[in-house]
Protein backbone atom coordinates (compact mmCIF):
# COMPACT_ATOMS: atom_id res chain seq x y z
CA UNK A 1 0.00 0.00 0.00
CA UNK A 2 1.20 3.48 -0.81
CA UNK A 3 1.63 6.04 1.94
CA UNK A 4 -0.13 9.39 1.82
CA UNK A 5 1.95 12.55 1.64
CA UNK A 6 0.92 13.64 5.12
CA UNK A 7 0.61 17.16 6.44
CA UNK A 8 4.34 18.09 6.47
CA UNK A 9 5.81 19.23 3.17
CA UNK A 10 9.26 20.47 2.09
CA UNK A 11 9.32 24.13 0.99
CA UNK A 12 11.97 26.46 -0.43
CA UNK A 13 12.61 29.93 0.99
CA UNK A 14 14.15 32.55 -1.32
CA UNK A 15 15.66 35.96 -0.50
CA UNK A 16 13.42 38.86 -1.51
CA UNK A 17 16.27 41.40 -1.68
CA UNK A 18 18.44 39.47 -4.18
CA UNK A 19 15.75 39.56 -6.86
CA UNK A 20 15.37 43.34 -6.82
CA UNK A 21 18.86 44.55 -5.76
CA UNK A 22 21.17 45.13 -8.74
CA UNK A 23 24.29 46.37 -6.89
CA UNK A 24 24.95 43.41 -4.60
CA UNK A 25 28.17 41.59 -3.72
CA UNK A 26 27.92 38.76 -6.22
CA UNK A 27 25.50 37.08 -8.58
CA UNK A 28 23.14 34.56 -7.04
CA UNK A 29 20.05 34.14 -4.91
CA UNK A 30 20.04 32.78 -1.35
CA UNK A 31 17.76 29.76 -0.89
CA UNK A 32 16.94 27.63 2.15
CA UNK A 33 14.83 24.48 2.43
CA UNK A 34 12.64 23.68 5.40
CA UNK A 35 9.46 21.80 6.30
CA UNK A 36 6.07 23.18 7.26
CA UNK A 37 2.77 21.76 8.36
CA UNK A 38 0.23 22.64 5.69
CA UNK A 39 -2.72 22.20 8.07
CA UNK A 40 -1.41 24.77 10.59
CA UNK A 41 0.04 27.27 8.08
CA UNK A 42 -1.75 27.09 4.72
CA UNK A 43 -0.51 30.54 3.64
CA UNK A 44 3.00 31.22 2.34
CA UNK A 45 5.74 31.39 4.95
CA UNK A 46 8.07 34.39 5.42
CA UNK A 47 11.12 34.16 7.70
CA UNK A 48 14.09 36.45 8.31
CA UNK A 49 17.28 34.53 7.40
CA UNK A 50 20.90 35.41 6.63
CA UNK A 51 21.62 36.00 2.95
CA UNK A 52 25.27 35.44 2.04
CA UNK A 53 24.89 37.43 -1.18
CA UNK A 54 23.39 40.52 0.50
CA UNK A 55 25.57 39.92 3.60
CA UNK A 56 22.64 40.84 5.91
CA UNK A 57 19.55 39.31 7.47
CA UNK A 58 16.73 39.69 4.95
CA UNK A 59 13.17 38.36 4.63
CA UNK A 60 12.96 35.07 2.77
CA UNK A 61 9.60 34.09 1.25
CA UNK A 62 8.28 30.69 0.26
CA UNK A 63 8.42 29.98 -3.47
CA UNK A 64 6.61 27.33 -5.49
C-alpha atoms as a PDB file:
ATOM      1  CA  UNK A   1       0.000   0.000   0.000  1.00  0.00           C
ATOM      2  CA  UNK A   2       1.198   3.482  -0.812  1.00  0.00           C
ATOM      3  CA  UNK A   3       1.628   6.035   1.944  1.00  0.00           C
ATOM      4  CA  UNK A   4      -0.128   9.389   1.818  1.00  0.00           C
ATOM      5  CA  UNK A   5       1.954  12.554   1.645  1.00  0.00           C
ATOM      6  CA  UNK A   6       0.917  13.643   5.121  1.00  0.00           C
ATOM      7  CA  UNK A   7       0.609  17.158   6.436  1.00  0.00           C
ATOM      8  CA  UNK A   8       4.336  18.089   6.470  1.00  0.00           C
ATOM      9  CA  UNK A   9       5.811  19.231   3.169  1.00  0.00           C
ATOM     10  CA  UNK A  10       9.262  20.469   2.088  1.00  0.00           C
ATOM     11  CA  UNK A  11       9.318  24.126   0.994  1.00  0.00           C
ATOM     12  CA  UNK A  12      11.967  26.457  -0.432  1.00  0.00           C
ATOM     13  CA  UNK A  13      12.605  29.931   0.992  1.00  0.00           C
ATOM     14  CA  UNK A  14      14.151  32.545  -1.322  1.00  0.00           C
ATOM     15  CA  UNK A  15      15.664  35.964  -0.500  1.00  0.00           C
ATOM     16  CA  UNK A  16      13.419  38.857  -1.511  1.00  0.00           C
ATOM     17  CA  UNK A  17      16.273  41.401  -1.677  1.00  0.00           C
ATOM     18  CA  UNK A  18      18.437  39.470  -4.177  1.00  0.00           C
ATOM     19  CA  UNK A  19      15.753  39.556  -6.861  1.00  0.00           C
ATOM     20  CA  UNK A  20      15.371  43.343  -6.821  1.00  0.00           C
ATOM     21  CA  UNK A  21      18.856  44.546  -5.758  1.00  0.00           C
ATOM     22  CA  UNK A  22      21.173  45.133  -8.737  1.00  0.00           C
ATOM     23  CA  UNK A  23      24.289  46.369  -6.890  1.00  0.00           C
ATOM     24  CA  UNK A  24      24.947  43.409  -4.600  1.00  0.00           C
ATOM     25  CA  UNK A  25      28.166  41.586  -3.717  1.00  0.00           C
ATOM     26  CA  UNK A  26      27.915  38.758  -6.224  1.00  0.00           C
ATOM     27  CA  UNK A  27      25.499  37.078  -8.584  1.00  0.00           C
ATOM     28  CA  UNK A  28      23.142  34.555  -7.044  1.00  0.00           C
ATOM     29  CA  UNK A  29      20.046  34.141  -4.905  1.00  0.00           C
ATOM     30  CA  UNK A  30      20.035  32.782  -1.353  1.00  0.00           C
ATOM     31  CA  UNK A  31      17.759  29.758  -0.887  1.00  0.00           C
ATOM     32  CA  UNK A  32      16.936  27.634   2.154  1.00  0.00           C
ATOM     33  CA  UNK A  33      14.825  24.484   2.428  1.00  0.00           C
ATOM     34  CA  UNK A  34      12.640  23.676   5.404  1.00  0.00           C
ATOM     35  CA  UNK A  35       9.459  21.798   6.305  1.00  0.00           C
ATOM     36  CA  UNK A  36       6.072  23.183   7.262  1.00  0.00           C
ATOM     37  CA  UNK A  37       2.767  21.756   8.362  1.00  0.00           C
ATOM     38  CA  UNK A  38       0.234  22.642   5.686  1.00  0.00           C
ATOM     39  CA  UNK A  39      -2.718  22.202   8.070  1.00  0.00           C
ATOM     40  CA  UNK A  40      -1.410  24.775  10.588  1.00  0.00           C
ATOM     41  CA  UNK A  41       0.045  27.266   8.081  1.00  0.00           C
ATOM     42  CA  UNK A  42      -1.752  27.086   4.725  1.00  0.00           C
ATOM     43  CA  UNK A  43      -0.513  30.543   3.644  1.00  0.00           C
ATOM     44  CA  UNK A  44       2.996  31.224   2.339  1.00  0.00           C
ATOM     45  CA  UNK A  45       5.739  31.394   4.951  1.00  0.00           C
ATOM     46  CA  UNK A  46       8.072  34.394   5.418  1.00  0.00           C
ATOM     47  CA  UNK A  47      11.122  34.155   7.700  1.00  0.00           C
ATOM     48  CA  UNK A  48      14.095  36.447   8.308  1.00  0.00           C
ATOM     49  CA  UNK A  49      17.277  34.529   7.404  1.00  0.00           C
ATOM     50  CA  UNK A  50      20.902  35.410   6.630  1.00  0.00           C
ATOM     51  CA  UNK A  51      21.625  35.997   2.945  1.00  0.00           C
ATOM     52  CA  UNK A  52      25.269  35.440   2.045  1.00  0.00           C
ATOM     53  CA  UNK A  53      24.888  37.433  -1.184  1.00  0.00           C
ATOM     54  CA  UNK A  54      23.387  40.520   0.504  1.00  0.00           C
ATOM     55  CA  UNK A  55      25.571  39.918   3.605  1.00  0.00           C
ATOM     56  CA  UNK A  56      22.643  40.841   5.909  1.00  0.00           C
ATOM     57  CA  UNK A  57      19.552  39.313   7.470  1.00  0.00           C
ATOM     58  CA  UNK A  58      16.725  39.693   4.950  1.00  0.00           C
ATOM     59  CA  UNK A  59      13.172  38.359   4.631  1.00  0.00           C
ATOM     60  CA  UNK A  60      12.962  35.066   2.766  1.00  0.00           C
ATOM     61  CA  UNK A  61       9.604  34.086   1.254  1.00  0.00           C
ATOM     62  CA  UNK A  62       8.284  30.692   0.256  1.00  0.00           C
ATOM     63  CA  UNK A  63       8.418  29.979  -3.472  1.00  0.00           C
ATOM     64  CA  UNK A  64       6.607  27.333  -5.488  1.00  0.00           C
END
